Amino acid sequence: AKGGQTKNLCLTLHREFFDAIVEGTKRTEYRDDKDYWRRRLVGRAYQEVHFRNGYATKAPFMRVQFKGVRKVRTIEGSRFAIRLGKILELKFYRKR
């Protein structure tokens, strides 16, 4: 969708980070400041972030409120910090 019509940002996560978001201990997801993420994040407004843990059809999935993105400086360089709101839906998820 062109012109920022995309309402959902879709991201894949490793299980430990997926778990941390479900548990409420992780409120921000980071992505490196590279061309690929700049195209997806700069000047875009999303309503939700859709996270998947893996690529299986029934991979754990959750919808989370998108609260904005900003650039942050870290030791490794600059990164995008995607702020997460409340979890709107969780499916195919089983606590380990």
N, C-alpha and C. Protein backbone atom coordinates (compact mmCIF):
# COMPACT_ATOMS: atom_id res chain seq x y z
N ALA A 1 0.85 -1.19 0.00
CA ALA A 1 0.00 0.00 0.00
C ALA A 1 0.89 1.24 0.00
N LYS A 2 0.64 2.11 -0.92
CA LYS A 2 1.47 3.33 -1.03
C LYS A 2 0.86 4.47 -0.22
N GLY A 3 1.69 5.46 0.04
CA GLY A 3 1.20 6.66 0.73
C GLY A 3 0.81 6.44 2.17
N GLY A 4 1.48 5.47 2.83
CA GLY A 4 1.23 5.24 4.26
C GLY A 4 -0.16 4.72 4.56
N GLN A 5 -0.75 3.98 3.62
CA GLN A 5 -2.09 3.42 3.85
C GLN A 5 -2.02 2.17 4.73
N THR A 6 -0.83 1.62 4.88
CA THR A 6 -0.67 0.41 5.68
C THR A 6 -1.06 0.68 7.13
N LYS A 7 -1.94 -0.14 7.66
CA LYS A 7 -2.39 0.07 9.03
C LYS A 7 -1.65 -0.84 10.00
N ASN A 8 -1.08 -1.94 9.50
CA ASN A 8 -0.42 -2.90 10.37
C ASN A 8 1.02 -3.12 9.97
N LEU A 9 1.88 -3.12 10.96
CA LEU A 9 3.29 -3.40 10.76
C LEU A 9 3.49 -4.86 11.16
N CYS A 10 3.96 -5.69 10.24
CA CYS A 10 4.13 -7.12 10.51
C CYS A 10 5.59 -7.45 10.78
N LEU A 11 5.84 -8.04 11.94
CA LEU A 11 7.20 -8.39 12.34
C LEU A 11 7.26 -9.83 12.84
N THR A 12 8.41 -10.45 12.62
CA THR A 12 8.64 -11.80 13.12
C THR A 12 9.60 -11.70 14.29
N LEU A 13 9.34 -12.47 15.33
CA LEU A 13 10.13 -12.40 16.56
C LEU A 13 10.62 -13.77 17.00
N HIS A 14 11.77 -13.78 17.68
CA HIS A 14 12.24 -14.99 18.34
C HIS A 14 11.34 -15.21 19.55
N ARG A 15 11.24 -16.46 19.98
CA ARG A 15 10.33 -16.82 21.05
C ARG A 15 10.57 -16.05 22.36
N GLU A 16 11.83 -15.85 22.73
CA GLU A 16 12.10 -15.16 24.01
C GLU A 16 11.51 -13.75 24.01
N PHE A 17 11.59 -13.05 22.87
CA PHE A 17 11.07 -11.68 22.79
C PHE A 17 9.54 -11.69 22.72
N PHE A 18 9.00 -12.68 22.02
CA PHE A 18 7.54 -12.84 21.93
C PHE A 18 7.00 -13.05 23.35
N ASP A 19 7.63 -13.95 24.10
CA ASP A 19 7.24 -14.22 25.49
C ASP A 19 7.29 -12.96 26.35
N ALA A 20 8.38 -12.19 26.19
CA ALA A 20 8.57 -10.98 27.01
C ALA A 20 7.47 -9.95 26.74
N ILE A 21 7.02 -9.85 25.49
CA ILE A 21 5.93 -8.91 25.16
C ILE A 21 4.63 -9.42 25.78
N VAL A 22 4.37 -10.73 25.65
CA VAL A 22 3.16 -11.31 26.24
C VAL A 22 3.14 -11.07 27.76
N GLU A 23 4.30 -11.25 28.40
CA GLU A 23 4.39 -11.07 29.85
C GLU A 23 4.36 -9.61 30.29
N GLY A 24 4.52 -8.70 29.33
CA GLY A 24 4.48 -7.28 29.65
C GLY A 24 5.82 -6.70 30.09
N THR A 25 6.89 -7.49 29.98
CA THR A 25 8.20 -6.99 30.40
C THR A 25 8.91 -6.25 29.27
N LYS A 26 8.49 -6.48 28.05
CA LYS A 26 9.09 -5.81 26.90
C LYS A 26 8.04 -4.89 26.27
N ARG A 27 8.30 -3.58 26.29
CA ARG A 27 7.33 -2.59 25.80
C ARG A 27 7.80 -1.93 24.51
N THR A 28 9.02 -2.26 24.08
CA THR A 28 9.61 -1.64 22.90
C THR A 28 10.29 -2.71 22.07
N GLU A 29 10.10 -2.65 20.77
CA GLU A 29 10.78 -3.57 19.86
C GLU A 29 11.76 -2.74 19.04
N TYR A 30 12.98 -3.23 18.89
CA TYR A 30 14.01 -2.48 18.17
C TYR A 30 14.33 -3.08 16.81
N ARG A 31 14.63 -2.19 15.87
CA ARG A 31 15.09 -2.62 14.55
C ARG A 31 16.25 -1.72 14.16
N ASP A 32 17.24 -2.29 13.47
CA ASP A 32 18.42 -1.52 13.07
C ASP A 32 18.08 -0.41 12.09
N ASP A 33 18.85 0.67 12.17
CA ASP A 33 18.65 1.81 11.27
C ASP A 33 19.30 1.49 9.92
N LYS A 34 18.58 0.70 9.13
CA LYS A 34 19.05 0.32 7.81
C LYS A 34 17.98 0.73 6.79
N ASP A 35 18.37 0.80 5.53
CA ASP A 35 17.43 1.21 4.47
C ASP A 35 16.10 0.48 4.55
N TYR A 36 16.15 -0.84 4.70
CA TYR A 36 14.93 -1.64 4.73
C TYR A 36 13.97 -1.13 5.80
N TRP A 37 14.44 -0.93 7.03
CA TRP A 37 13.56 -0.48 8.11
C TRP A 37 13.20 0.99 7.97
N ARG A 38 14.11 1.81 7.41
CA ARG A 38 13.79 3.21 7.17
C ARG A 38 12.57 3.31 6.26
N ARG A 39 12.57 2.50 5.19
CA ARG A 39 11.43 2.51 4.25
C ARG A 39 10.14 2.10 4.93
N ARG A 40 10.22 1.17 5.85
CA ARG A 40 9.02 0.67 6.51
C ARG A 40 8.56 1.52 7.69
N LEU A 41 9.49 2.29 8.29
CA LEU A 41 9.15 2.99 9.53
C LEU A 41 9.11 4.51 9.46
N VAL A 42 9.94 5.11 8.64
CA VAL A 42 10.02 6.58 8.62
C VAL A 42 8.82 7.18 7.90
N GLY A 43 8.14 8.11 8.56
CA GLY A 43 7.00 8.80 7.96
C GLY A 43 5.77 7.93 7.79
N ARG A 44 5.71 6.82 8.49
CA ARG A 44 4.56 5.93 8.41
C ARG A 44 3.80 5.93 9.71
N ALA A 45 2.51 5.80 9.62
CA ALA A 45 1.69 5.67 10.83
C ALA A 45 0.98 4.33 10.77
N TYR A 46 1.15 3.55 11.77
CA TYR A 46 0.48 2.25 11.85
C TYR A 46 -0.51 2.28 13.00
N GLN A 47 -1.49 1.39 12.94
CA GLN A 47 -2.43 1.28 14.05
C GLN A 47 -2.02 0.13 14.96
N GLU A 48 -1.52 -0.94 14.33
CA GLU A 48 -1.18 -2.13 15.10
C GLU A 48 0.15 -2.72 14.62
N VAL A 49 0.78 -3.47 15.52
CA VAL A 49 1.95 -4.25 15.16
C VAL A 49 1.49 -5.71 15.26
N HIS A 50 1.73 -6.48 14.21
CA HIS A 50 1.38 -7.90 14.21
C HIS A 50 2.67 -8.69 14.35
N PHE A 51 2.79 -9.41 15.44
CA PHE A 51 3.99 -10.21 15.69
C PHE A 51 3.70 -11.68 15.45
N ARG A 52 4.67 -12.35 14.83
CA ARG A 52 4.59 -13.80 14.67
C ARG A 52 5.87 -14.38 15.21
N ASN A 53 5.76 -15.57 15.78
CA ASN A 53 6.95 -16.29 16.25
C ASN A 53 7.11 -17.46 15.29
N GLY A 54 7.89 -17.25 14.23
CA GLY A 54 8.10 -18.29 13.24
C GLY A 54 7.19 -18.12 12.04
N TYR A 55 7.30 -19.05 11.11
CA TYR A 55 6.57 -18.91 9.85
C TYR A 55 5.50 -19.97 9.63
N ALA A 56 5.32 -20.85 10.61
CA ALA A 56 4.30 -21.89 10.48
C ALA A 56 2.91 -21.27 10.41
N THR A 57 1.99 -21.97 9.77
CA THR A 57 0.61 -21.49 9.65
C THR A 57 0.03 -21.17 11.02
N LYS A 58 0.29 -22.04 11.97
CA LYS A 58 -0.24 -21.85 13.33
C LYS A 58 0.82 -21.30 14.28
N ALA A 59 1.74 -20.51 13.75
CA ALA A 59 2.78 -19.91 14.59
C ALA A 59 2.11 -18.96 15.59
N PRO A 60 2.64 -18.86 16.81
CA PRO A 60 2.09 -17.90 17.78
C PRO A 60 1.99 -16.51 17.13
N PHE A 61 0.87 -15.86 17.35
CA PHE A 61 0.57 -14.58 16.71
C PHE A 61 -0.04 -13.63 17.72
N MET A 62 0.33 -12.35 17.64
CA MET A 62 -0.36 -11.36 18.48
C MET A 62 -0.46 -10.01 17.78
N ARG A 63 -1.55 -9.33 18.10
CA ARG A 63 -1.78 -7.96 17.62
C ARG A 63 -1.58 -7.04 18.82
N VAL A 64 -0.76 -6.00 18.61
CA VAL A 64 -0.44 -5.07 19.68
C VAL A 64 -0.65 -3.64 19.18
N GLN A 65 -1.10 -2.77 20.06
CA GLN A 65 -1.26 -1.35 19.70
C GLN A 65 0.09 -0.77 19.32
N PHE A 66 0.10 0.02 18.25
CA PHE A 66 1.31 0.73 17.82
C PHE A 66 1.29 2.11 18.45
N LYS A 67 2.32 2.43 19.23
CA LYS A 67 2.35 3.71 19.95
C LYS A 67 3.38 4.68 19.40
N GLY A 68 3.93 4.37 18.23
CA GLY A 68 4.88 5.29 17.64
C GLY A 68 6.28 4.69 17.51
N VAL A 69 7.08 5.37 16.72
CA VAL A 69 8.45 4.91 16.50
C VAL A 69 9.37 6.12 16.59
N ARG A 70 10.55 5.91 17.17
CA ARG A 70 11.52 7.00 17.20
C ARG A 70 12.89 6.39 17.01
N LYS A 71 13.84 7.25 16.66
CA LYS A 71 15.20 6.77 16.47
C LYS A 71 15.95 6.97 17.77
N VAL A 72 16.69 5.95 18.18
CA VAL A 72 17.48 6.05 19.40
C VAL A 72 18.93 5.70 19.09
N ARG A 73 19.82 6.28 19.87
CA ARG A 73 21.26 5.98 19.71
C ARG A 73 21.64 4.91 20.72
N THR A 74 22.35 3.92 20.24
CA THR A 74 22.85 2.87 21.13
C THR A 74 24.35 2.74 20.88
N ILE A 75 24.98 1.91 21.66
CA ILE A 75 26.42 1.67 21.50
C ILE A 75 26.70 1.15 20.09
N GLU A 76 25.81 0.31 19.59
CA GLU A 76 25.98 -0.29 18.25
C GLU A 76 25.69 0.70 17.12
N GLY A 77 25.13 1.85 17.43
CA GLY A 77 24.75 2.80 16.38
C GLY A 77 23.32 3.23 16.59
N SER A 78 22.66 3.73 15.55
CA SER A 78 21.29 4.17 15.78
C SER A 78 20.31 3.06 15.39
N ARG A 79 19.21 3.03 16.12
CA ARG A 79 18.19 2.00 15.92
C ARG A 79 16.81 2.64 16.01
N PHE A 80 15.81 1.93 15.50
CA PHE A 80 14.43 2.38 15.62
C PHE A 80 13.82 1.70 16.84
N ALA A 81 13.16 2.49 17.67
CA ALA A 81 12.46 1.97 18.85
C ALA A 81 10.97 2.04 18.54
N ILE A 82 10.33 0.89 18.43
CA ILE A 82 8.90 0.81 18.15
C ILE A 82 8.19 0.63 19.48
N ARG A 83 7.42 1.64 19.88
CA ARG A 83 6.73 1.58 21.17
C ARG A 83 5.43 0.79 21.06
N LEU A 84 5.26 -0.13 22.00
CA LEU A 84 4.11 -1.02 21.97
C LEU A 84 3.10 -0.67 23.05
N GLY A 85 1.83 -0.75 22.68
CA GLY A 85 0.75 -0.51 23.63
C GLY A 85 0.22 -1.84 24.13
N LYS A 86 -1.09 -1.90 24.35
CA LYS A 86 -1.63 -3.13 24.92
C LYS A 86 -1.85 -4.21 23.86
N ILE A 87 -1.84 -5.45 24.31
CA ILE A 87 -2.06 -6.59 23.43
C ILE A 87 -3.55 -6.67 23.12
N LEU A 88 -3.85 -6.71 21.83
CA LEU A 88 -5.25 -6.72 21.38
C LEU A 88 -5.75 -8.14 21.11
N GLU A 89 -4.84 -9.02 20.74
CA GLU A 89 -5.22 -10.39 20.42
C GLU A 89 -3.99 -11.27 20.52
N LEU A 90 -4.20 -12.50 20.97
CA LEU A 90 -3.12 -13.47 21.08
C LEU A 90 -3.68 -14.81 20.66
N LYS A 91 -3.04 -15.47 19.70
CA LYS A 91 -3.54 -16.80 19.32
C LYS A 91 -2.42 -17.77 18.98
N PHE A 92 -2.75 -19.04 19.05
CA PHE A 92 -1.80 -20.14 18.83
C PHE A 92 -0.62 -20.07 19.81
N TYR A 93 -0.87 -19.48 20.98
CA TYR A 93 0.21 -19.28 21.94
C TYR A 93 0.01 -20.17 23.16
N ARG A 94 1.05 -20.89 23.52
CA ARG A 94 1.02 -21.69 24.73
C ARG A 94 2.22 -21.33 25.57
N LYS A 95 1.99 -21.06 26.83
CA LYS A 95 3.11 -20.74 27.72
C LYS A 95 4.01 -21.97 27.82
N ARG A 96 5.34 -21.73 27.87
CA ARG A 96 6.27 -22.85 27.96
C ARG A 96 6.47 -23.23 29.42
